[in-house]
Amino acid sequence: MERKAFKMFLKPGFEKEYEKRHNEIWPELKQLIKESGVYDYSIFWDKQTNVLYALQKINGSAGSQDLGNNPIVQKWWAYMADIMETNADNSPVSLELNEVFYLE
């Protein structure tokens, strides 16, 4: 088991829309993420900064951040691009976070 964490950036005023879209996550995207080895995935929102913090537990070494070539993921990125800070290819601006402490 490995844990990966990263942060993304939500555009101001889109908190409810972001949550709505994730509550209605596409079944094919959910299945793809699980098939990639992710079995525990949480995203937290810091309302003071609009930063989204994601944490994934994965079997293996690849997480959802490694699925960018998949057409389902690319479609999701395009769907989310209007409410998040994105790169030129619509992928969310994402910064990996290094773990400095873990209590089991």
PDB file of N, CA and C in Angstrom:
ATOM      1  N   MET A   1       0.843  -1.184   0.000  1.00  0.00           N
ATOM      2  CA  MET A   1       0.000   0.000   0.000  1.00  0.00           C
ATOM      3  C   MET A   1       0.878   1.233   0.000  1.00  0.00           C
ATOM      4  N   GLU A   2       0.498   2.178  -0.809  1.00  0.00           N
ATOM      5  CA  GLU A   2       1.181   3.455  -0.876  1.00  0.00           C
ATOM      6  C   GLU A   2       0.135   4.559  -0.767  1.00  0.00           C
ATOM      7  N   ARG A   3       0.532   5.694  -0.220  1.00  0.00           N
ATOM      8  CA  ARG A   3      -0.352   6.856  -0.149  1.00  0.00           C
ATOM      9  C   ARG A   3       0.239   7.957  -1.014  1.00  0.00           C
ATOM     10  N   LYS A   4      -0.616   8.610  -1.773  1.00  0.00           N
ATOM     11  CA  LYS A   4      -0.188   9.751  -2.577  1.00  0.00           C
ATOM     12  C   LYS A   4      -1.095  10.918  -2.228  1.00  0.00           C
ATOM     13  N   ALA A   5      -0.490  12.085  -2.134  1.00  0.00           N
ATOM     14  CA  ALA A   5      -1.256  13.294  -1.837  1.00  0.00           C
ATOM     15  C   ALA A   5      -0.844  14.377  -2.827  1.00  0.00           C
ATOM     16  N   PHE A   6      -1.813  15.214  -3.161  1.00  0.00           N
ATOM     17  CA  PHE A   6      -1.537  16.321  -4.063  1.00  0.00           C
ATOM     18  C   PHE A   6      -2.572  17.404  -3.823  1.00  0.00           C
ATOM     19  N   LYS A   7      -2.271  18.598  -4.315  1.00  0.00           N
ATOM     20  CA  LYS A   7      -3.237  19.679  -4.187  1.00  0.00           C
ATOM     21  C   LYS A   7      -3.571  20.230  -5.554  1.00  0.00           C
ATOM     22  N   MET A   8      -4.800  20.734  -5.647  1.00  0.00           N
ATOM     23  CA  MET A   8      -5.333  21.347  -6.864  1.00  0.00           C
ATOM     24  C   MET A   8      -5.983  22.659  -6.452  1.00  0.00           C
ATOM     25  N   PHE A   9      -6.426  23.426  -7.415  1.00  0.00           N
ATOM     26  CA  PHE A   9      -6.893  24.774  -7.127  1.00  0.00           C
ATOM     27  C   PHE A   9      -8.280  25.017  -7.727  1.00  0.00           C
ATOM     28  N   LEU A  10      -9.232  25.300  -6.859  1.00  0.00           N
ATOM     29  CA  LEU A  10     -10.615  25.555  -7.253  1.00  0.00           C
ATOM     30  C   LEU A  10     -10.798  27.044  -7.512  1.00  0.00           C
ATOM     31  N   LYS A  11     -11.498  27.375  -8.580  1.00  0.00           N
ATOM     32  CA  LYS A  11     -11.799  28.777  -8.853  1.00  0.00           C
ATOM     33  C   LYS A  11     -12.826  29.266  -7.830  1.00  0.00           C
ATOM     34  N   PRO A  12     -12.710  30.515  -7.388  1.00  0.00           N
ATOM     35  CA  PRO A  12     -13.640  31.052  -6.383  1.00  0.00           C
ATOM     36  C   PRO A  12     -15.098  30.983  -6.851  1.00  0.00           C
ATOM     37  N   GLY A  13     -15.975  30.633  -5.919  1.00  0.00           N
ATOM     38  CA  GLY A  13     -17.404  30.601  -6.195  1.00  0.00           C
ATOM     39  C   GLY A  13     -17.928  29.288  -6.753  1.00  0.00           C
ATOM     40  N   PHE A  14     -17.072  28.288  -6.905  1.00  0.00           N
ATOM     41  CA  PHE A  14     -17.494  27.022  -7.517  1.00  0.00           C
ATOM     42  C   PHE A  14     -17.480  25.845  -6.544  1.00  0.00           C
ATOM     43  N   GLU A  15     -17.475  26.133  -5.264  1.00  0.00           N
ATOM     44  CA  GLU A  15     -17.393  25.072  -4.262  1.00  0.00           C
ATOM     45  C   GLU A  15     -18.568  24.092  -4.370  1.00  0.00           C
ATOM     46  N   LYS A  16     -19.770  24.613  -4.430  1.00  0.00           N
ATOM     47  CA  LYS A  16     -20.959  23.743  -4.494  1.00  0.00           C
ATOM     48  C   LYS A  16     -20.996  22.963  -5.805  1.00  0.00           C
ATOM     49  N   GLU A  17     -20.603  23.600  -6.889  1.00  0.00           N
ATOM     50  CA  GLU A  17     -20.600  22.918  -8.184  1.00  0.00           C
ATOM     51  C   GLU A  17     -19.551  21.806  -8.205  1.00  0.00           C
ATOM     52  N   TYR A  18     -18.403  22.056  -7.618  1.00  0.00           N
ATOM     53  CA  TYR A  18     -17.358  21.040  -7.544  1.00  0.00           C
ATOM     54  C   TYR A  18     -17.871  19.821  -6.771  1.00  0.00           C
ATOM     55  N   GLU A  19     -18.478  20.088  -5.628  1.00  0.00           N
ATOM     56  CA  GLU A  19     -19.018  18.990  -4.818  1.00  0.00           C
ATOM     57  C   GLU A  19     -20.132  18.250  -5.561  1.00  0.00           C
ATOM     58  N   LYS A  20     -21.004  18.988  -6.231  1.00  0.00           N
ATOM     59  CA  LYS A  20     -22.098  18.368  -6.995  1.00  0.00           C
ATOM     60  C   LYS A  20     -21.554  17.436  -8.069  1.00  0.00           C
ATOM     61  N   ARG A  21     -20.579  17.915  -8.818  1.00  0.00           N
ATOM     62  CA  ARG A  21     -20.023  17.087  -9.897  1.00  0.00           C
ATOM     63  C   ARG A  21     -19.362  15.832  -9.351  1.00  0.00           C
ATOM     64  N   HIS A  22     -18.715  15.934  -8.216  1.00  0.00           N
ATOM     65  CA  HIS A  22     -18.082  14.744  -7.648  1.00  0.00           C
ATOM     66  C   HIS A  22     -19.109  13.809  -7.010  1.00  0.00           C
ATOM     67  N   ASN A  23     -20.196  14.336  -6.507  1.00  0.00           N
ATOM     68  CA  ASN A  23     -21.262  13.465  -6.010  1.00  0.00           C
ATOM     69  C   ASN A  23     -21.923  12.690  -7.139  1.00  0.00           C
ATOM     70  N   GLU A  24     -21.795  13.208  -8.347  1.00  0.00           N
ATOM     71  CA  GLU A  24     -22.370  12.562  -9.531  1.00  0.00           C
ATOM     72  C   GLU A  24     -21.274  12.005 -10.437  1.00  0.00           C
ATOM     73  N   ILE A  25     -20.151  11.607  -9.847  1.00  0.00           N
ATOM     74  CA  ILE A  25     -19.020  11.130 -10.646  1.00  0.00           C
ATOM     75  C   ILE A  25     -19.470  10.023 -11.596  1.00  0.00           C
ATOM     76  N   TRP A  26     -18.955  10.055 -12.782  1.00  0.00           N
ATOM     77  CA  TRP A  26     -19.350   9.078 -13.797  1.00  0.00           C
ATOM     78  C   TRP A  26     -18.936   7.670 -13.371  1.00  0.00           C
ATOM     79  N   PRO A  27     -19.820   6.704 -13.521  1.00  0.00           N
ATOM     80  CA  PRO A  27     -19.485   5.328 -13.126  1.00  0.00           C
ATOM     81  C   PRO A  27     -18.248   4.794 -13.840  1.00  0.00           C
ATOM     82  N   GLU A  28     -18.077   5.140 -15.111  1.00  0.00           N
ATOM     83  CA  GLU A  28     -16.920   4.633 -15.854  1.00  0.00           C
ATOM     84  C   GLU A  28     -15.610   5.241 -15.334  1.00  0.00           C
ATOM     85  N   LEU A  29     -15.653   6.476 -14.842  1.00  0.00           N
ATOM     86  CA  LEU A  29     -14.464   7.088 -14.258  1.00  0.00           C
ATOM     87  C   LEU A  29     -14.158   6.457 -12.904  1.00  0.00           C
ATOM     88  N   LYS A  30     -15.183   6.254 -12.116  1.00  0.00           N
ATOM     89  CA  LYS A  30     -15.016   5.604 -10.813  1.00  0.00           C
ATOM     90  C   LYS A  30     -14.411   4.210 -10.983  1.00  0.00           C
ATOM     91  N   GLN A  31     -14.904   3.465 -11.948  1.00  0.00           N
ATOM     92  CA  GLN A  31     -14.399   2.120 -12.201  1.00  0.00           C
ATOM     93  C   GLN A  31     -12.937   2.170 -12.661  1.00  0.00           C
ATOM     94  N   LEU A  32     -12.619   3.099 -13.550  1.00  0.00           N
ATOM     95  CA  LEU A  32     -11.250   3.246 -14.043  1.00  0.00           C
ATOM     96  C   LEU A  32     -10.285   3.550 -12.899  1.00  0.00           C
ATOM     97  N   ILE A  33     -10.673   4.458 -12.017  1.00  0.00           N
ATOM     98  CA  ILE A  33      -9.815   4.806 -10.887  1.00  0.00           C
ATOM     99  C   ILE A  33      -9.585   3.593  -9.998  1.00  0.00           C
ATOM    100  N   LYS A  34     -10.645   2.863  -9.709  1.00  0.00           N
ATOM    101  CA  LYS A  34     -10.502   1.664  -8.875  1.00  0.00           C
ATOM    102  C   LYS A  34      -9.626   0.615  -9.552  1.00  0.00           C
ATOM    103  N   GLU A  35      -9.822   0.435 -10.863  1.00  0.00           N
ATOM    104  CA  GLU A  35      -9.022  -0.551 -11.597  1.00  0.00           C
ATOM    105  C   GLU A  35      -7.550  -0.165 -11.657  1.00  0.00           C
ATOM    106  N   SER A  36      -7.256   1.113 -11.492  1.00  0.00           N
ATOM    107  CA  SER A  36      -5.859   1.560 -11.513  1.00  0.00           C
ATOM    108  C   SER A  36      -5.133   1.227 -10.219  1.00  0.00           C
ATOM    109  N   GLY A  37      -5.883   0.814  -9.202  1.00  0.00           N
ATOM    110  CA  GLY A  37      -5.277   0.452  -7.924  1.00  0.00           C
ATOM    111  C   GLY A  37      -5.655   1.378  -6.781  1.00  0.00           C
ATOM    112  N   VAL A  38      -6.389   2.443  -7.078  1.00  0.00           N
ATOM    113  CA  VAL A  38      -6.819   3.356  -6.020  1.00  0.00           C
ATOM    114  C   VAL A  38      -8.001   2.719  -5.297  1.00  0.00           C
ATOM    115  N   TYR A  39      -7.887   2.555  -3.975  1.00  0.00           N
ATOM    116  CA  TYR A  39      -8.995   1.962  -3.236  1.00  0.00           C
ATOM    117  C   TYR A  39      -9.514   2.878  -2.132  1.00  0.00           C
ATOM    118  N   ASP A  40      -8.887   3.996  -1.933  1.00  0.00           N
ATOM    119  CA  ASP A  40      -9.334   4.948  -0.927  1.00  0.00           C
ATOM    120  C   ASP A  40      -8.902   6.325  -1.420  1.00  0.00           C
ATOM    121  N   TYR A  41      -9.875   7.206  -1.697  1.00  0.00           N
ATOM    122  CA  TYR A  41      -9.566   8.489  -2.327  1.00  0.00           C
ATOM    123  C   TYR A  41     -10.447   9.556  -1.690  1.00  0.00           C
ATOM    124  N   SER A  42      -9.812  10.556  -1.102  1.00  0.00           N
ATOM    125  CA  SER A  42     -10.534  11.664  -0.480  1.00  0.00           C
ATOM    126  C   SER A  42      -9.993  12.972  -1.022  1.00  0.00           C
ATOM    127  N   ILE A  43     -10.890  13.960  -1.134  1.00  0.00           N
ATOM    128  CA  ILE A  43     -10.486  15.311  -1.496  1.00  0.00           C
ATOM    129  C   ILE A  43     -11.067  16.249  -0.437  1.00  0.00           C
ATOM    130  N   PHE A  44     -10.214  17.107   0.101  1.00  0.00           N
ATOM    131  CA  PHE A  44     -10.614  18.070   1.120  1.00  0.00           C
ATOM    132  C   PHE A  44     -10.479  19.477   0.552  1.00  0.00           C
ATOM    133  N   TRP A  45     -11.374  20.355   0.952  1.00  0.00           N
ATOM    134  CA  TRP A  45     -11.386  21.729   0.463  1.00  0.00           C
ATOM    135  C   TRP A  45     -11.037  22.682   1.593  1.00  0.00           C
ATOM    136  N   ASP A  46     -10.036  23.544   1.367  1.00  0.00           N
ATOM    137  CA  ASP A  46      -9.687  24.604   2.302  1.00  0.00           C
ATOM    138  C   ASP A  46     -10.407  25.863   1.827  1.00  0.00           C
ATOM    139  N   LYS A  47     -11.470  26.240   2.518  1.00  0.00           N
ATOM    140  CA  LYS A  47     -12.306  27.340   2.054  1.00  0.00           C
ATOM    141  C   LYS A  47     -11.622  28.693   2.132  1.00  0.00           C
ATOM    142  N   GLN A  48     -10.574  28.824   2.935  1.00  0.00           N
ATOM    143  CA  GLN A  48      -9.860  30.100   3.022  1.00  0.00           C
ATOM    144  C   GLN A  48      -8.973  30.343   1.803  1.00  0.00           C
ATOM    145  N   THR A  49      -8.492  29.274   1.184  1.00  0.00           N
ATOM    146  CA  THR A  49      -7.555  29.417   0.064  1.00  0.00           C
ATOM    147  C   THR A  49      -8.088  28.866  -1.257  1.00  0.00           C
ATOM    148  N   ASN A  50      -9.194  28.130  -1.213  1.00  0.00           N
ATOM    149  CA  ASN A  50      -9.745  27.419  -2.376  1.00  0.00           C
ATOM    150  C   ASN A  50      -8.793  26.342  -2.897  1.00  0.00           C
ATOM    151  N   VAL A  51      -7.950  25.846  -2.019  1.00  0.00           N
ATOM    152  CA  VAL A  51      -7.060  24.747  -2.373  1.00  0.00           C
ATOM    153  C   VAL A  51      -7.764  23.438  -2.041  1.00  0.00           C
ATOM    154  N   LEU A  52      -7.669  22.496  -2.954  1.00  0.00           N
ATOM    155  CA  LEU A  52      -8.201  21.153  -2.772  1.00  0.00           C
ATOM    156  C   LEU A  52      -7.028  20.229  -2.450  1.00  0.00           C
ATOM    157  N   TYR A  53      -7.152  19.468  -1.381  1.00  0.00           N
ATOM    158  CA  TYR A  53      -6.119  18.523  -0.981  1.00  0.00           C
ATOM    159  C   TYR A  53      -6.653  17.116  -1.201  1.00  0.00           C
ATOM    160  N   ALA A  54      -5.937  16.335  -1.987  1.00  0.00           N
ATOM    161  CA  ALA A  54      -6.363  14.979  -2.305  1.00  0.00           C
ATOM    162  C   ALA A  54      -5.417  13.969  -1.671  1.00  0.00           C
ATOM    163  N   LEU A  55      -5.986  12.882  -1.189  1.00  0.00           N
ATOM    164  CA  LEU A  55      -5.216  11.793  -0.604  1.00  0.00           C
ATOM    165  C   LEU A  55      -5.749  10.485  -1.167  1.00  0.00           C
ATOM    166  N   GLN A  56      -4.832   9.664  -1.659  1.00  0.00           N
ATOM    167  CA  GLN A  56      -5.205   8.369  -2.232  1.00  0.00           C
ATOM    168  C   GLN A  56      -4.386   7.267  -1.590  1.00  0.00           C
ATOM    169  N   LYS A  57      -5.028   6.154  -1.344  1.00  0.00           N
ATOM    170  CA  LYS A  57      -4.325   4.929  -0.984  1.00  0.00           C
ATOM    171  C   LYS A  57      -4.384   4.054  -2.224  1.00  0.00           C
ATOM    172  N   ILE A  58      -3.237   3.504  -2.579  1.00  0.00           N
ATOM    173  CA  ILE A  58      -3.174   2.725  -3.817  1.00  0.00           C
ATOM    174  C   ILE A  58      -2.440   1.408  -3.608  1.00  0.00           C
ATOM    175  N   ASN A  59      -2.844   0.433  -4.380  1.00  0.00           N
ATOM    176  CA  ASN A  59      -2.111  -0.827  -4.490  1.00  0.00           C
ATOM    177  C   ASN A  59      -1.227  -0.678  -5.721  1.00  0.00           C
ATOM    178  N   GLY A  60       0.063  -0.733  -5.540  1.00  0.00           N
ATOM    179  CA  GLY A  60       0.987  -0.510  -6.644  1.00  0.00           C
ATOM    180  C   GLY A  60       1.596   0.869  -6.536  1.00  0.00           C
ATOM    181  N   SER A  61       2.065   1.378  -7.664  1.00  0.00           N
ATOM    182  CA  SER A  61       2.758   2.663  -7.635  1.00  0.00           C
ATOM    183  C   SER A  61       2.064   3.747  -8.442  1.00  0.00           C
ATOM    184  N   ALA A  62       0.983   3.421  -9.138  1.00  0.00           N
ATOM    185  CA  ALA A  62       0.284   4.402  -9.973  1.00  0.00           C
ATOM    186  C   ALA A  62      -1.058   4.769  -9.359  1.00  0.00           C
ATOM    187  N   GLY A  63      -1.336   6.059  -9.313  1.00  0.00           N
ATOM    188  CA  GLY A  63      -2.619   6.544  -8.814  1.00  0.00           C
ATOM    189  C   GLY A  63      -3.399   7.210  -9.921  1.00  0.00           C
ATOM    190  N   SER A  64      -4.428   7.917  -9.567  1.00  0.00           N
ATOM    191  CA  SER A  64      -5.274   8.569 -10.562  1.00  0.00           C
ATOM    192  C   SER A  64      -4.503   9.606 -11.367  1.00  0.00           C
ATOM    193  N   GLN A  65      -3.448  10.164 -10.787  1.00  0.00           N
ATOM    194  CA  GLN A  65      -2.648  11.174 -11.473  1.00  0.00           C
ATOM    195  C   GLN A  65      -1.897  10.592 -12.669  1.00  0.00           C
ATOM    196  N   ASP A  66      -1.864   9.275 -12.785  1.00  0.00           N
ATOM    197  CA  ASP A  66      -1.146   8.612 -13.866  1.00  0.00           C
ATOM    198  C   ASP A  66      -2.069   8.152 -14.992  1.00  0.00           C
ATOM    199  N   LEU A  67      -3.316   8.610 -14.985  1.00  0.00           N
ATOM    200  CA  LEU A  67      -4.304   8.159 -15.973  1.00  0.00           C
ATOM    201  C   LEU A  67      -4.582   9.194 -17.063  1.00  0.00           C
ATOM    202  N   GLY A  68      -3.730  10.182 -17.200  1.00  0.00           N
ATOM    203  CA  GLY A  68      -3.987  11.299 -18.098  1.00  0.00           C
ATOM    204  C   GLY A  68      -4.122  10.960 -19.563  1.00  0.00           C
ATOM    205  N   ASN A  69      -3.641   9.818 -19.993  1.00  0.00           N
ATOM    206  CA  ASN A  69      -3.778   9.435 -21.402  1.00  0.00           C
ATOM    207  C   ASN A  69      -5.102   8.756 -21.713  1.00  0.00           C
ATOM    208  N   ASN A  70      -5.883   8.470 -20.692  1.00  0.00           N
ATOM    209  CA  ASN A  70      -7.147   7.776 -20.886  1.00  0.00           C
ATOM    210  C   ASN A  70      -8.226   8.758 -21.366  1.00  0.00           C
ATOM    211  N   PRO A  71      -8.995   8.404 -22.406  1.00  0.00           N
ATOM    212  CA  PRO A  71     -10.033   9.298 -22.923  1.00  0.00           C
ATOM    213  C   PRO A  71     -11.107   9.664 -21.894  1.00  0.00           C
ATOM    214  N   ILE A  72     -11.422   8.761 -20.977  1.00  0.00           N
ATOM    215  CA  ILE A  72     -12.418   9.068 -19.943  1.00  0.00           C
ATOM    216  C   ILE A  72     -11.891  10.187 -19.038  1.00  0.00           C
ATOM    217  N   VAL A  73     -10.630  10.083 -18.660  1.00  0.00           N
ATOM    218  CA  VAL A  73     -10.012  11.098 -17.803  1.00  0.00           C
ATOM    219  C   VAL A  73      -9.929  12.425 -18.545  1.00  0.00           C
ATOM    220  N   GLN A  74      -9.570  12.399 -19.805  1.00  0.00           N
ATOM    221  CA  GLN A  74      -9.487  13.629 -20.593  1.00  0.00           C
ATOM    222  C   GLN A  74     -10.860  14.295 -20.728  1.00  0.00           C
ATOM    223  N   LYS A  75     -11.898  13.491 -20.859  1.00  0.00           N
ATOM    224  CA  LYS A  75     -13.267  14.035 -20.920  1.00  0.00           C
ATOM    225  C   LYS A  75     -13.642  14.665 -19.577  1.00  0.00           C
ATOM    226  N   TRP A  76     -13.269  14.026 -18.465  1.00  0.00           N
ATOM    227  CA  TRP A  76     -13.529  14.562 -17.133  1.00  0.00           C
ATOM    228  C   TRP A  76     -12.796  15.889 -16.944  1.00  0.00           C
ATOM    229  N   TRP A  77     -11.545  15.936 -17.361  1.00  0.00           N
ATOM    230  CA  TRP A  77     -10.785  17.179 -17.257  1.00  0.00           C
ATOM    231  C   TRP A  77     -11.490  18.311 -17.996  1.00  0.00           C
ATOM    232  N   ALA A  78     -11.956  18.027 -19.197  1.00  0.00           N
ATOM    233  CA  ALA A  78     -12.656  19.058 -19.975  1.00  0.00           C
ATOM    234  C   ALA A  78     -13.929  19.500 -19.253  1.00  0.00           C
ATOM    235  N   TYR A  79     -14.619  18.557 -18.637  1.00  0.00           N
ATOM    236  CA  TYR A  79     -15.847  18.839 -17.897  1.00  0.00           C
ATOM    237  C   TYR A  79     -15.575  19.717 -16.680  1.00  0.00           C
ATOM    238  N   MET A  80     -14.421  19.542 -16.055  1.00  0.00           N
ATOM    239  CA  MET A  80     -14.080  20.276 -14.834  1.00  0.00           C
ATOM    240  C   MET A  80     -13.301  21.566 -15.096  1.00  0.00           C
ATOM    241  N   ALA A  81     -12.863  21.788 -16.308  1.00  0.00           N
ATOM    242  CA  ALA A  81     -11.960  22.901 -16.624  1.00  0.00           C
ATOM    243  C   ALA A  81     -12.539  24.276 -16.319  1.00  0.00           C
ATOM    244  N   ASP A  82     -13.857  24.416 -16.356  1.00  0.00           N
ATOM    245  CA  ASP A  82     -14.448  25.737 -16.114  1.00  0.00           C
ATOM    246  C   ASP A  82     -14.455  26.126 -14.633  1.00  0.00           C
ATOM    247  N   ILE A  83     -14.189  25.182 -13.745  1.00  0.00           N
ATOM    248  CA  ILE A  83     -14.267  25.504 -12.315  1.00  0.00           C
ATOM    249  C   ILE A  83     -12.951  25.305 -11.565  1.00  0.00           C
ATOM    250  N   MET A  84     -11.904  24.869 -12.274  1.00  0.00           N
ATOM    251  CA  MET A  84     -10.606  24.630 -11.650  1.00  0.00           C
ATOM    252  C   MET A  84      -9.501  25.303 -12.453  1.00  0.00           C
ATOM    253  N   GLU A  85      -8.393  25.556 -11.800  1.00  0.00           N
ATOM    254  CA  GLU A  85      -7.218  26.015 -12.527  1.00  0.00           C
ATOM    255  C   GLU A  85      -6.664  24.817 -13.292  1.00  0.00           C
ATOM    256  N   THR A  86      -6.420  25.021 -14.599  1.00  0.00           N
ATOM    257  CA  THR A  86      -5.995  23.911 -15.446  1.00  0.00           C
ATOM    258  C   THR A  86      -4.758  24.274 -16.265  1.00  0.00           C
ATOM    259  N   ASN A  87      -4.120  23.232 -16.751  1.00  0.00           N
ATOM    260  CA  ASN A  87      -3.024  23.353 -17.704  1.00  0.00           C
ATOM    261  C   ASN A  87      -3.612  23.451 -19.113  1.00  0.00           C
ATOM    262  N   ALA A  88      -2.766  23.636 -20.111  1.00  0.00           N
ATOM    263  CA  ALA A  88      -3.209  23.792 -21.500  1.00  0.00           C
ATOM    264  C   ALA A  88      -4.000  22.580 -22.008  1.00  0.00           C
ATOM    265  N   ASP A  89      -3.725  21.389 -21.475  1.00  0.00           N
ATOM    266  CA  ASP A  89      -4.430  20.174 -21.914  1.00  0.00           C
ATOM    267  C   ASP A  89      -5.684  19.892 -21.084  1.00  0.00           C
ATOM    268  N   ASN A  90      -6.135  20.862 -20.285  1.00  0.00           N
ATOM    269  CA  ASN A  90      -7.295  20.761 -19.391  1.00  0.00           C
ATOM    270  C   ASN A  90      -7.026  19.964 -18.121  1.00  0.00           C
ATOM    271  N   SER A  91      -5.852  19.383 -17.973  1.00  0.00           N
ATOM    272  CA  SER A  91      -5.554  18.678 -16.724  1.00  0.00           C
ATOM    273  C   SER A  91      -5.507  19.699 -15.599  1.00  0.00           C
ATOM    274  N   PRO A  92      -5.969  19.319 -14.413  1.00  0.00           N
ATOM    275  CA  PRO A  92      -5.921  20.269 -13.304  1.00  0.00           C
ATOM    276  C   PRO A  92      -4.481  20.602 -12.935  1.00  0.00           C
ATOM    277  N   VAL A  93      -4.242  21.861 -12.607  1.00  0.00           N
ATOM    278  CA  VAL A  93      -2.950  22.213 -12.038  1.00  0.00           C
ATOM    279  C   VAL A  93      -2.859  21.430 -10.732  1.00  0.00           C
ATOM    280  N   SER A  94      -1.829  20.632 -10.607  1.00  0.00           N
ATOM    281  CA  SER A  94      -1.726  19.699  -9.491  1.00  0.00           C
ATOM    282  C   SER A  94      -0.285  19.665  -9.004  1.00  0.00           C
ATOM    283  N   LEU A  95      -0.124  19.771  -7.700  1.00  0.00           N
ATOM    284  CA  LEU A  95       1.203  19.717  -7.099  1.00  0.00           C
ATOM    285  C   LEU A  95       1.259  18.567  -6.109  1.00  0.00           C
ATOM    286  N   GLU A  96       2.231  17.684  -6.300  1.00  0.00           N
ATOM    287  CA  GLU A  96       2.401  16.547  -5.400  1.00  0.00           C
ATOM    288  C   GLU A  96       2.833  17.044  -4.025  1.00  0.00           C
ATOM    289  N   LEU A  97       2.322  16.404  -2.994  1.00  0.00           N
ATOM    290  CA  LEU A  97       2.685  16.729  -1.621  1.00  0.00           C
ATOM    291  C   LEU A  97       3.521  15.589  -1.052  1.00  0.00           C
ATOM    292  N   ASN A  98       4.595  15.917  -0.379  1.00  0.00           N
ATOM    293  CA  ASN A  98       5.438  14.913   0.253  1.00  0.00           C
ATOM    294  C   ASN A  98       4.968  14.652   1.663  1.00  0.00           C
ATOM    295  N   GLU A  99       4.863  13.385   2.004  1.00  0.00           N
ATOM    296  CA  GLU A  99       4.446  13.004   3.339  1.00  0.00           C
ATOM    297  C   GLU A  99       5.590  13.245   4.323  1.00  0.00           C
ATOM    298  N   VAL A 100       5.256  13.897   5.426  1.00  0.00           N
ATOM    299  CA  VAL A 100       6.272  14.143   6.449  1.00  0.00           C
ATOM    300  C   VAL A 100       5.933  13.464   7.780  1.00  0.00           C
ATOM    301  N   PHE A 101       4.696  12.948   7.904  1.00  0.00           N
ATOM    302  CA  PHE A 101       4.303  12.247   9.121  1.00  0.00           C
ATOM    303  C   PHE A 101       3.124  11.343   8.812  1.00  0.00           C
ATOM    304  N   TYR A 102       3.130  10.173   9.441  1.00  0.00           N
ATOM    305  CA  TYR A 102       2.017   9.239   9.318  1.00  0.00           C
ATOM    306  C   TYR A 102       1.919   8.454  10.609  1.00  0.00           C
ATOM    307  N   LEU A 103       0.736   8.404  11.186  1.00  0.00           N
ATOM    308  CA  LEU A 103       0.500   7.619  12.396  1.00  0.00           C
ATOM    309  C   LEU A 103      -0.471   6.507  12.034  1.00  0.00           C
ATOM    310  N   GLU A 104      -0.062   5.290  12.194  1.00  0.00           N
ATOM    311  CA  GLU A 104      -0.902   4.154  11.852  1.00  0.00           C
ATOM    312  C   GLU A 104      -1.587   3.627  13.087  1.00  0.00           C
TER     313      GLU A 104
END
